[in-house]
N, C-alpha and C. Protein backbone atom coordinates (compact mmCIF):
# COMPACT_ATOMS: atom_id res chain seq x y z
N MET A 1 -17.01 -16.08 -28.85
CA MET A 1 -16.67 -15.44 -27.60
C MET A 1 -15.36 -16.04 -27.09
N ASP A 2 -14.47 -15.18 -26.67
CA ASP A 2 -13.21 -15.63 -26.08
C ASP A 2 -12.79 -14.63 -25.01
N VAL A 3 -11.62 -14.84 -24.44
CA VAL A 3 -11.17 -14.03 -23.31
C VAL A 3 -11.09 -12.53 -23.67
N THR A 4 -10.87 -12.21 -24.94
CA THR A 4 -10.80 -10.79 -25.32
C THR A 4 -12.17 -10.11 -25.25
N THR A 5 -13.24 -10.89 -25.28
CA THR A 5 -14.59 -10.33 -25.18
C THR A 5 -14.75 -9.53 -23.89
N ALA A 6 -14.05 -9.95 -22.85
CA ALA A 6 -14.15 -9.29 -21.54
C ALA A 6 -13.58 -7.88 -21.56
N THR A 7 -12.76 -7.56 -22.54
CA THR A 7 -12.12 -6.25 -22.56
C THR A 7 -12.58 -5.38 -23.72
N ARG A 8 -13.60 -5.79 -24.42
CA ARG A 8 -14.10 -4.99 -25.54
C ARG A 8 -15.25 -4.11 -25.09
N PHE A 9 -14.98 -2.84 -25.02
CA PHE A 9 -16.00 -1.86 -24.68
C PHE A 9 -15.95 -0.72 -25.68
N HIS A 10 -17.06 -0.08 -25.89
CA HIS A 10 -17.11 1.06 -26.78
C HIS A 10 -16.38 2.22 -26.13
N LEU A 11 -15.66 3.00 -26.92
CA LEU A 11 -14.89 4.13 -26.42
C LEU A 11 -15.77 5.09 -25.61
N GLY A 12 -16.98 5.32 -26.07
CA GLY A 12 -17.90 6.20 -25.34
C GLY A 12 -18.25 5.63 -23.98
N GLU A 13 -18.47 4.33 -23.90
CA GLU A 13 -18.80 3.68 -22.62
C GLU A 13 -17.64 3.80 -21.64
N ILE A 14 -16.43 3.59 -22.11
CA ILE A 14 -15.25 3.70 -21.25
C ILE A 14 -15.10 5.13 -20.74
N THR A 15 -15.29 6.10 -21.63
CA THR A 15 -15.15 7.51 -21.25
C THR A 15 -16.16 7.90 -20.18
N VAL A 16 -17.42 7.61 -20.42
CA VAL A 16 -18.47 7.97 -19.46
C VAL A 16 -18.25 7.24 -18.13
N SER A 17 -17.94 5.96 -18.19
CA SER A 17 -17.71 5.17 -16.98
C SER A 17 -16.55 5.73 -16.16
N THR A 18 -15.47 6.10 -16.82
CA THR A 18 -14.30 6.66 -16.13
C THR A 18 -14.64 7.99 -15.46
N ILE A 19 -15.34 8.84 -16.16
CA ILE A 19 -15.71 10.15 -15.60
C ILE A 19 -16.60 9.96 -14.37
N VAL A 20 -17.57 9.07 -14.46
CA VAL A 20 -18.47 8.83 -13.33
C VAL A 20 -17.69 8.27 -12.15
N ARG A 21 -16.82 7.30 -12.39
CA ARG A 21 -16.02 6.70 -11.31
C ARG A 21 -15.12 7.75 -10.65
N LEU A 22 -14.46 8.55 -11.47
CA LEU A 22 -13.56 9.57 -10.91
C LEU A 22 -14.31 10.58 -10.06
N GLY A 23 -15.58 10.78 -10.35
CA GLY A 23 -16.39 11.69 -9.55
C GLY A 23 -16.91 11.05 -8.27
N ILE A 24 -17.26 9.77 -8.33
CA ILE A 24 -17.86 9.09 -7.19
C ILE A 24 -16.82 8.66 -6.16
N ILE A 25 -15.67 8.16 -6.61
CA ILE A 25 -14.66 7.62 -5.69
C ILE A 25 -14.26 8.63 -4.60
N PRO A 26 -13.94 9.89 -4.94
CA PRO A 26 -13.58 10.83 -3.87
C PRO A 26 -14.76 11.16 -2.95
N LEU A 27 -15.98 11.20 -3.51
CA LEU A 27 -17.16 11.51 -2.70
C LEU A 27 -17.42 10.43 -1.65
N VAL A 28 -17.23 9.19 -2.03
CA VAL A 28 -17.49 8.07 -1.14
C VAL A 28 -16.30 7.82 -0.22
N GLY A 29 -15.12 8.20 -0.66
CA GLY A 29 -13.92 8.04 0.15
C GLY A 29 -13.35 6.64 0.13
N ILE A 30 -13.46 5.97 -0.99
CA ILE A 30 -12.93 4.61 -1.10
C ILE A 30 -11.40 4.67 -1.18
N PRO A 31 -10.72 3.92 -0.31
CA PRO A 31 -9.25 3.92 -0.35
C PRO A 31 -8.73 3.30 -1.66
N LEU A 32 -7.60 3.80 -2.12
CA LEU A 32 -7.01 3.33 -3.37
C LEU A 32 -6.77 1.82 -3.36
N ARG A 33 -6.32 1.27 -2.25
CA ARG A 33 -6.04 -0.17 -2.19
C ARG A 33 -7.31 -0.99 -2.41
N VAL A 34 -8.45 -0.50 -1.94
CA VAL A 34 -9.73 -1.19 -2.13
C VAL A 34 -10.11 -1.18 -3.60
N ILE A 35 -9.91 -0.06 -4.25
CA ILE A 35 -10.21 0.05 -5.68
C ILE A 35 -9.32 -0.90 -6.48
N VAL A 36 -8.04 -0.97 -6.14
CA VAL A 36 -7.09 -1.84 -6.84
C VAL A 36 -7.50 -3.31 -6.67
N VAL A 37 -7.81 -3.72 -5.45
CA VAL A 37 -8.23 -5.11 -5.20
C VAL A 37 -9.52 -5.41 -5.96
N TYR A 38 -10.49 -4.51 -5.89
CA TYR A 38 -11.75 -4.69 -6.61
C TYR A 38 -11.51 -4.87 -8.11
N GLU A 39 -10.73 -3.99 -8.69
CA GLU A 39 -10.47 -4.06 -10.13
C GLU A 39 -9.73 -5.35 -10.51
N LEU A 40 -8.80 -5.80 -9.67
CA LEU A 40 -8.08 -7.06 -9.94
C LEU A 40 -9.01 -8.26 -9.88
N VAL A 41 -9.86 -8.32 -8.86
CA VAL A 41 -10.82 -9.42 -8.74
C VAL A 41 -11.77 -9.40 -9.93
N LEU A 42 -12.25 -8.23 -10.29
CA LEU A 42 -13.17 -8.10 -11.42
C LEU A 42 -12.50 -8.52 -12.73
N LEU A 43 -11.26 -8.09 -12.94
CA LEU A 43 -10.53 -8.46 -14.16
C LEU A 43 -10.34 -9.96 -14.27
N VAL A 44 -9.87 -10.60 -13.20
CA VAL A 44 -9.66 -12.05 -13.23
C VAL A 44 -10.98 -12.77 -13.45
N SER A 45 -12.01 -12.34 -12.78
CA SER A 45 -13.33 -12.97 -12.91
C SER A 45 -13.88 -12.85 -14.33
N THR A 46 -13.83 -11.65 -14.90
CA THR A 46 -14.38 -11.48 -16.25
C THR A 46 -13.54 -12.20 -17.30
N GLN A 47 -12.23 -12.27 -17.10
CA GLN A 47 -11.39 -13.04 -18.02
C GLN A 47 -11.77 -14.52 -17.95
N PHE A 48 -12.02 -15.01 -16.75
CA PHE A 48 -12.39 -16.42 -16.56
C PHE A 48 -13.73 -16.73 -17.21
N HIS A 49 -14.77 -15.95 -16.92
CA HIS A 49 -16.06 -16.34 -17.46
C HIS A 49 -16.27 -15.96 -18.92
N HIS A 50 -15.36 -15.21 -19.51
CA HIS A 50 -15.40 -14.98 -20.96
C HIS A 50 -14.47 -15.93 -21.71
N SER A 51 -13.77 -16.77 -21.01
CA SER A 51 -12.81 -17.67 -21.65
C SER A 51 -13.52 -18.79 -22.39
N ASN A 52 -12.77 -19.48 -23.20
CA ASN A 52 -13.30 -20.63 -23.93
C ASN A 52 -13.07 -21.92 -23.15
N ILE A 53 -12.85 -21.81 -21.87
CA ILE A 53 -12.60 -23.00 -21.05
C ILE A 53 -13.86 -23.85 -21.02
N ALA A 54 -13.70 -25.09 -21.42
CA ALA A 54 -14.83 -26.03 -21.40
C ALA A 54 -14.70 -26.90 -20.15
N LEU A 55 -15.23 -26.42 -19.06
CA LEU A 55 -15.19 -27.17 -17.82
C LEU A 55 -16.15 -28.35 -17.89
N PRO A 56 -15.82 -29.45 -17.24
CA PRO A 56 -16.79 -30.53 -17.15
C PRO A 56 -18.09 -30.00 -16.55
N SER A 57 -19.22 -30.45 -17.04
CA SER A 57 -20.50 -29.87 -16.64
C SER A 57 -20.73 -29.93 -15.13
N GLY A 58 -20.28 -30.97 -14.46
CA GLY A 58 -20.45 -31.07 -13.01
C GLY A 58 -19.68 -29.99 -12.28
N ILE A 59 -18.44 -29.74 -12.71
CA ILE A 59 -17.62 -28.69 -12.08
C ILE A 59 -18.23 -27.32 -12.35
N ASP A 60 -18.67 -27.08 -13.59
CA ASP A 60 -19.28 -25.81 -13.93
C ASP A 60 -20.54 -25.58 -13.10
N ARG A 61 -21.34 -26.64 -12.93
CA ARG A 61 -22.58 -26.53 -12.16
C ARG A 61 -22.28 -26.18 -10.69
N ILE A 62 -21.23 -26.79 -10.11
CA ILE A 62 -20.85 -26.49 -8.73
C ILE A 62 -20.31 -25.06 -8.61
N LEU A 63 -19.46 -24.67 -9.54
CA LEU A 63 -18.88 -23.31 -9.51
C LEU A 63 -19.96 -22.24 -9.56
N ARG A 64 -20.95 -22.43 -10.44
CA ARG A 64 -21.94 -21.37 -10.60
C ARG A 64 -22.90 -21.25 -9.42
N LEU A 65 -22.78 -22.14 -8.45
CA LEU A 65 -23.54 -21.95 -7.21
C LEU A 65 -22.99 -20.75 -6.43
N VAL A 66 -21.70 -20.43 -6.66
CA VAL A 66 -21.06 -19.35 -5.93
C VAL A 66 -20.56 -18.24 -6.84
N ILE A 67 -19.81 -18.60 -7.88
CA ILE A 67 -19.24 -17.60 -8.79
C ILE A 67 -19.79 -17.78 -10.20
N VAL A 68 -19.56 -16.79 -11.02
CA VAL A 68 -19.99 -16.85 -12.41
C VAL A 68 -19.04 -17.79 -13.17
N SER A 69 -19.60 -18.82 -13.75
CA SER A 69 -18.81 -19.78 -14.52
C SER A 69 -18.88 -19.42 -16.00
N PRO A 70 -17.98 -19.98 -16.82
CA PRO A 70 -18.05 -19.70 -18.26
C PRO A 70 -19.41 -20.05 -18.87
N ASN A 71 -19.97 -21.20 -18.55
CA ASN A 71 -21.27 -21.57 -19.13
C ASN A 71 -22.38 -20.65 -18.65
N MET A 72 -22.35 -20.29 -17.39
CA MET A 72 -23.39 -19.38 -16.88
C MET A 72 -23.37 -18.06 -17.63
N HIS A 73 -22.19 -17.48 -17.80
CA HIS A 73 -22.12 -16.18 -18.45
C HIS A 73 -22.31 -16.27 -19.96
N ARG A 74 -21.96 -17.40 -20.55
CA ARG A 74 -22.11 -17.59 -22.00
C ARG A 74 -23.54 -17.29 -22.43
N VAL A 75 -24.52 -17.66 -21.59
CA VAL A 75 -25.94 -17.43 -21.90
C VAL A 75 -26.20 -15.94 -22.12
N HIS A 76 -25.53 -15.09 -21.36
CA HIS A 76 -25.72 -13.63 -21.46
C HIS A 76 -25.35 -13.09 -22.84
N HIS A 77 -24.50 -13.78 -23.57
CA HIS A 77 -24.06 -13.32 -24.90
C HIS A 77 -24.86 -13.93 -26.04
N SER A 78 -25.95 -14.62 -25.72
CA SER A 78 -26.81 -15.24 -26.72
C SER A 78 -27.50 -14.20 -27.57
N ILE A 79 -27.81 -14.57 -28.80
CA ILE A 79 -28.55 -13.68 -29.69
C ILE A 79 -30.03 -13.60 -29.28
N LYS A 80 -30.49 -14.56 -28.48
CA LYS A 80 -31.88 -14.56 -28.01
C LYS A 80 -32.03 -13.52 -26.91
N ARG A 81 -32.95 -12.61 -27.07
CA ARG A 81 -33.11 -11.48 -26.15
C ARG A 81 -33.36 -11.93 -24.71
N VAL A 82 -34.18 -12.96 -24.52
CA VAL A 82 -34.50 -13.43 -23.17
C VAL A 82 -33.24 -13.95 -22.46
N GLU A 83 -32.29 -14.47 -23.23
CA GLU A 83 -31.04 -14.94 -22.65
C GLU A 83 -30.05 -13.80 -22.46
N THR A 84 -30.01 -12.87 -23.40
CA THR A 84 -29.14 -11.70 -23.26
C THR A 84 -29.52 -10.92 -22.00
N ASP A 85 -30.79 -10.88 -21.70
CA ASP A 85 -31.29 -10.16 -20.53
C ASP A 85 -31.21 -11.02 -19.27
N SER A 86 -30.12 -11.74 -19.12
CA SER A 86 -29.94 -12.60 -17.95
C SER A 86 -28.45 -12.72 -17.62
N ASN A 87 -28.17 -13.32 -16.48
CA ASN A 87 -26.80 -13.64 -16.06
C ASN A 87 -25.85 -12.44 -16.18
N TYR A 88 -26.20 -11.38 -15.50
CA TYR A 88 -25.43 -10.13 -15.54
C TYR A 88 -24.25 -10.12 -14.57
N SER A 89 -24.27 -10.98 -13.56
CA SER A 89 -23.26 -10.94 -12.49
C SER A 89 -21.85 -10.98 -13.03
N SER A 90 -20.94 -10.34 -12.29
CA SER A 90 -19.54 -10.31 -12.68
C SER A 90 -18.68 -11.25 -11.86
N VAL A 91 -18.99 -11.40 -10.59
CA VAL A 91 -18.17 -12.25 -9.73
C VAL A 91 -19.04 -13.30 -9.04
N LEU A 92 -19.96 -12.86 -8.22
CA LEU A 92 -20.81 -13.78 -7.46
C LEU A 92 -22.14 -14.03 -8.17
N SER A 93 -22.48 -15.28 -8.35
CA SER A 93 -23.71 -15.63 -9.08
C SER A 93 -24.97 -15.36 -8.27
N ILE A 94 -24.85 -15.15 -6.99
CA ILE A 94 -26.00 -14.92 -6.13
C ILE A 94 -26.85 -13.74 -6.59
N TRP A 95 -26.23 -12.72 -7.17
CA TRP A 95 -26.96 -11.52 -7.57
C TRP A 95 -28.01 -11.83 -8.64
N ASP A 96 -27.67 -12.70 -9.58
CA ASP A 96 -28.66 -13.05 -10.60
C ASP A 96 -29.80 -13.86 -10.01
N ARG A 97 -29.51 -14.68 -9.03
CA ARG A 97 -30.58 -15.44 -8.38
C ARG A 97 -31.49 -14.50 -7.57
N LEU A 98 -30.88 -13.58 -6.83
CA LEU A 98 -31.65 -12.65 -6.02
C LEU A 98 -32.56 -11.75 -6.86
N PHE A 99 -32.05 -11.30 -8.01
CA PHE A 99 -32.82 -10.38 -8.85
C PHE A 99 -33.56 -11.09 -9.98
N ARG A 100 -33.61 -12.43 -9.90
CA ARG A 100 -34.37 -13.26 -10.85
C ARG A 100 -33.93 -13.08 -12.30
N SER A 101 -32.64 -12.82 -12.49
CA SER A 101 -32.11 -12.72 -13.85
C SER A 101 -31.23 -13.92 -14.19
N TYR A 102 -31.25 -14.94 -13.33
CA TYR A 102 -30.45 -16.15 -13.57
C TYR A 102 -31.17 -17.04 -14.57
N ARG A 103 -30.42 -17.54 -15.56
CA ARG A 103 -31.00 -18.42 -16.58
C ARG A 103 -30.00 -19.50 -16.93
N GLU A 104 -30.49 -20.73 -17.01
CA GLU A 104 -29.69 -21.86 -17.45
C GLU A 104 -30.25 -22.37 -18.76
N ARG A 105 -29.44 -23.17 -19.44
CA ARG A 105 -29.94 -23.89 -20.60
C ARG A 105 -29.15 -25.18 -20.72
N PRO A 106 -29.74 -26.20 -21.29
CA PRO A 106 -29.09 -27.51 -21.32
C PRO A 106 -27.96 -27.64 -22.34
N ASP A 107 -27.93 -26.76 -23.31
CA ASP A 107 -26.99 -26.91 -24.44
C ASP A 107 -26.10 -25.68 -24.59
N TYR A 108 -25.24 -25.42 -23.62
CA TYR A 108 -24.42 -24.21 -23.62
C TYR A 108 -23.55 -24.07 -24.87
N ARG A 109 -23.11 -25.17 -25.43
CA ARG A 109 -22.24 -25.12 -26.61
C ARG A 109 -23.00 -24.79 -27.89
N GLU A 110 -24.32 -24.78 -27.83
CA GLU A 110 -25.14 -24.48 -29.01
C GLU A 110 -25.59 -23.02 -29.06
N ILE A 111 -25.17 -22.21 -28.12
CA ILE A 111 -25.59 -20.81 -28.08
C ILE A 111 -25.04 -20.06 -29.28
N ARG A 112 -25.91 -19.33 -29.94
CA ARG A 112 -25.50 -18.46 -31.05
C ARG A 112 -25.29 -17.07 -30.46
N PHE A 113 -24.06 -16.55 -30.61
CA PHE A 113 -23.70 -15.27 -30.02
C PHE A 113 -24.05 -14.11 -30.95
N GLY A 114 -24.26 -12.95 -30.36
CA GLY A 114 -24.48 -11.76 -31.15
C GLY A 114 -25.62 -10.91 -30.60
N VAL A 115 -25.94 -9.88 -31.35
CA VAL A 115 -27.05 -9.01 -31.01
C VAL A 115 -27.91 -8.91 -32.26
N GLU A 116 -29.17 -9.30 -32.10
CA GLU A 116 -30.08 -9.27 -33.24
C GLU A 116 -30.06 -7.89 -33.90
N GLY A 117 -29.91 -7.87 -35.22
CA GLY A 117 -29.88 -6.62 -35.96
C GLY A 117 -28.48 -6.08 -36.20
N TYR A 118 -27.47 -6.71 -35.58
CA TYR A 118 -26.10 -6.24 -35.75
C TYR A 118 -25.14 -7.37 -36.15
N CYS A 119 -25.66 -8.38 -36.83
CA CYS A 119 -24.83 -9.52 -37.21
C CYS A 119 -24.26 -9.38 -38.63
N ALA A 120 -24.75 -8.44 -39.40
CA ALA A 120 -24.27 -8.26 -40.78
C ALA A 120 -22.81 -7.82 -40.78
N ASP A 121 -22.11 -8.12 -41.85
CA ASP A 121 -20.69 -7.78 -41.96
C ASP A 121 -20.43 -6.29 -41.74
N ARG A 122 -21.33 -5.43 -42.22
CA ARG A 122 -21.11 -3.99 -42.08
C ARG A 122 -21.14 -3.56 -40.61
N SER A 123 -21.86 -4.29 -39.79
CA SER A 123 -21.90 -3.97 -38.36
C SER A 123 -20.66 -4.48 -37.63
N GLN A 124 -19.95 -5.41 -38.23
CA GLN A 124 -18.80 -6.03 -37.58
C GLN A 124 -17.47 -5.39 -37.98
N SER A 125 -17.49 -4.41 -38.85
CA SER A 125 -16.27 -3.71 -39.21
C SER A 125 -15.90 -2.72 -38.10
N VAL A 126 -14.70 -2.19 -38.12
CA VAL A 126 -14.30 -1.21 -37.10
C VAL A 126 -15.25 -0.01 -37.15
N LYS A 127 -15.53 0.48 -38.35
CA LYS A 127 -16.44 1.61 -38.49
C LYS A 127 -17.83 1.24 -37.95
N GLY A 128 -18.30 0.06 -38.31
CA GLY A 128 -19.61 -0.40 -37.85
C GLY A 128 -19.70 -0.50 -36.34
N LEU A 129 -18.63 -0.98 -35.70
CA LEU A 129 -18.63 -1.11 -34.25
C LEU A 129 -18.70 0.25 -33.57
N PHE A 130 -18.01 1.24 -34.13
CA PHE A 130 -18.06 2.58 -33.55
C PHE A 130 -19.43 3.24 -33.76
N LEU A 131 -20.08 2.91 -34.88
CA LEU A 131 -21.38 3.51 -35.18
C LEU A 131 -22.56 2.78 -34.54
N THR A 132 -22.34 1.58 -34.03
CA THR A 132 -23.41 0.76 -33.48
C THR A 132 -24.33 1.50 -32.50
N PRO A 133 -23.81 2.25 -31.55
CA PRO A 133 -24.72 2.91 -30.59
C PRO A 133 -25.66 3.94 -31.21
N ILE A 134 -25.33 4.43 -32.40
CA ILE A 134 -26.17 5.48 -33.01
C ILE A 134 -26.82 5.02 -34.31
N THR A 135 -26.72 3.72 -34.61
CA THR A 135 -27.28 3.17 -35.84
C THR A 135 -28.53 2.35 -35.53
N PRO A 136 -29.61 2.54 -36.28
CA PRO A 136 -30.81 1.72 -36.02
C PRO A 136 -30.54 0.26 -36.36
N ARG A 137 -31.18 -0.61 -35.59
CA ARG A 137 -31.02 -2.05 -35.82
C ARG A 137 -31.74 -2.47 -37.09
N VAL A 138 -31.18 -3.48 -37.75
CA VAL A 138 -31.80 -4.07 -38.93
C VAL A 138 -32.30 -5.44 -38.50
N ARG A 139 -33.60 -5.64 -38.51
CA ARG A 139 -34.17 -6.92 -38.09
C ARG A 139 -33.82 -8.00 -39.11
N SER A 140 -33.43 -9.17 -38.59
CA SER A 140 -33.15 -10.29 -39.49
C SER A 140 -34.19 -11.37 -39.28
N ALA A 141 -34.59 -12.02 -40.34
CA ALA A 141 -35.61 -13.04 -40.28
C ALA A 141 -35.09 -14.28 -39.57
N GLY A 142 -35.95 -14.91 -38.82
CA GLY A 142 -35.61 -16.18 -38.18
C GLY A 142 -34.81 -16.07 -36.90
N VAL A 143 -34.61 -14.87 -36.37
CA VAL A 143 -33.84 -14.75 -35.13
C VAL A 143 -34.76 -14.37 -34.00
């Protein structure tokens, strides 16, 4: 996982998300400047918590009381399903605490990244990445 992880989305996800946003923004009447500020804060935040920055554990622990820290979000990219299904917040860590999706672990540097069933080389090719949403998972032993 590195800073580029924050900007990797499936083409279909980007398309659907853009269409939905373009439909909702005029209905709600959100001013353009608000959207720009929101997107900038979100971009900086996601770049930060997807980075390989190894903050001292004390600083990381203090940061994650308010914002999503690299170690806090790293858990979300774990191959373990219970960890993947946690730490969803993008900016403020309070949301994961409120919705009981916050998870810590003592060994953040030992996290194995990935999605069970999609770790094989064929899933990691450009073709494999595009086909992932429509391809059945292949269970791997020991994960």
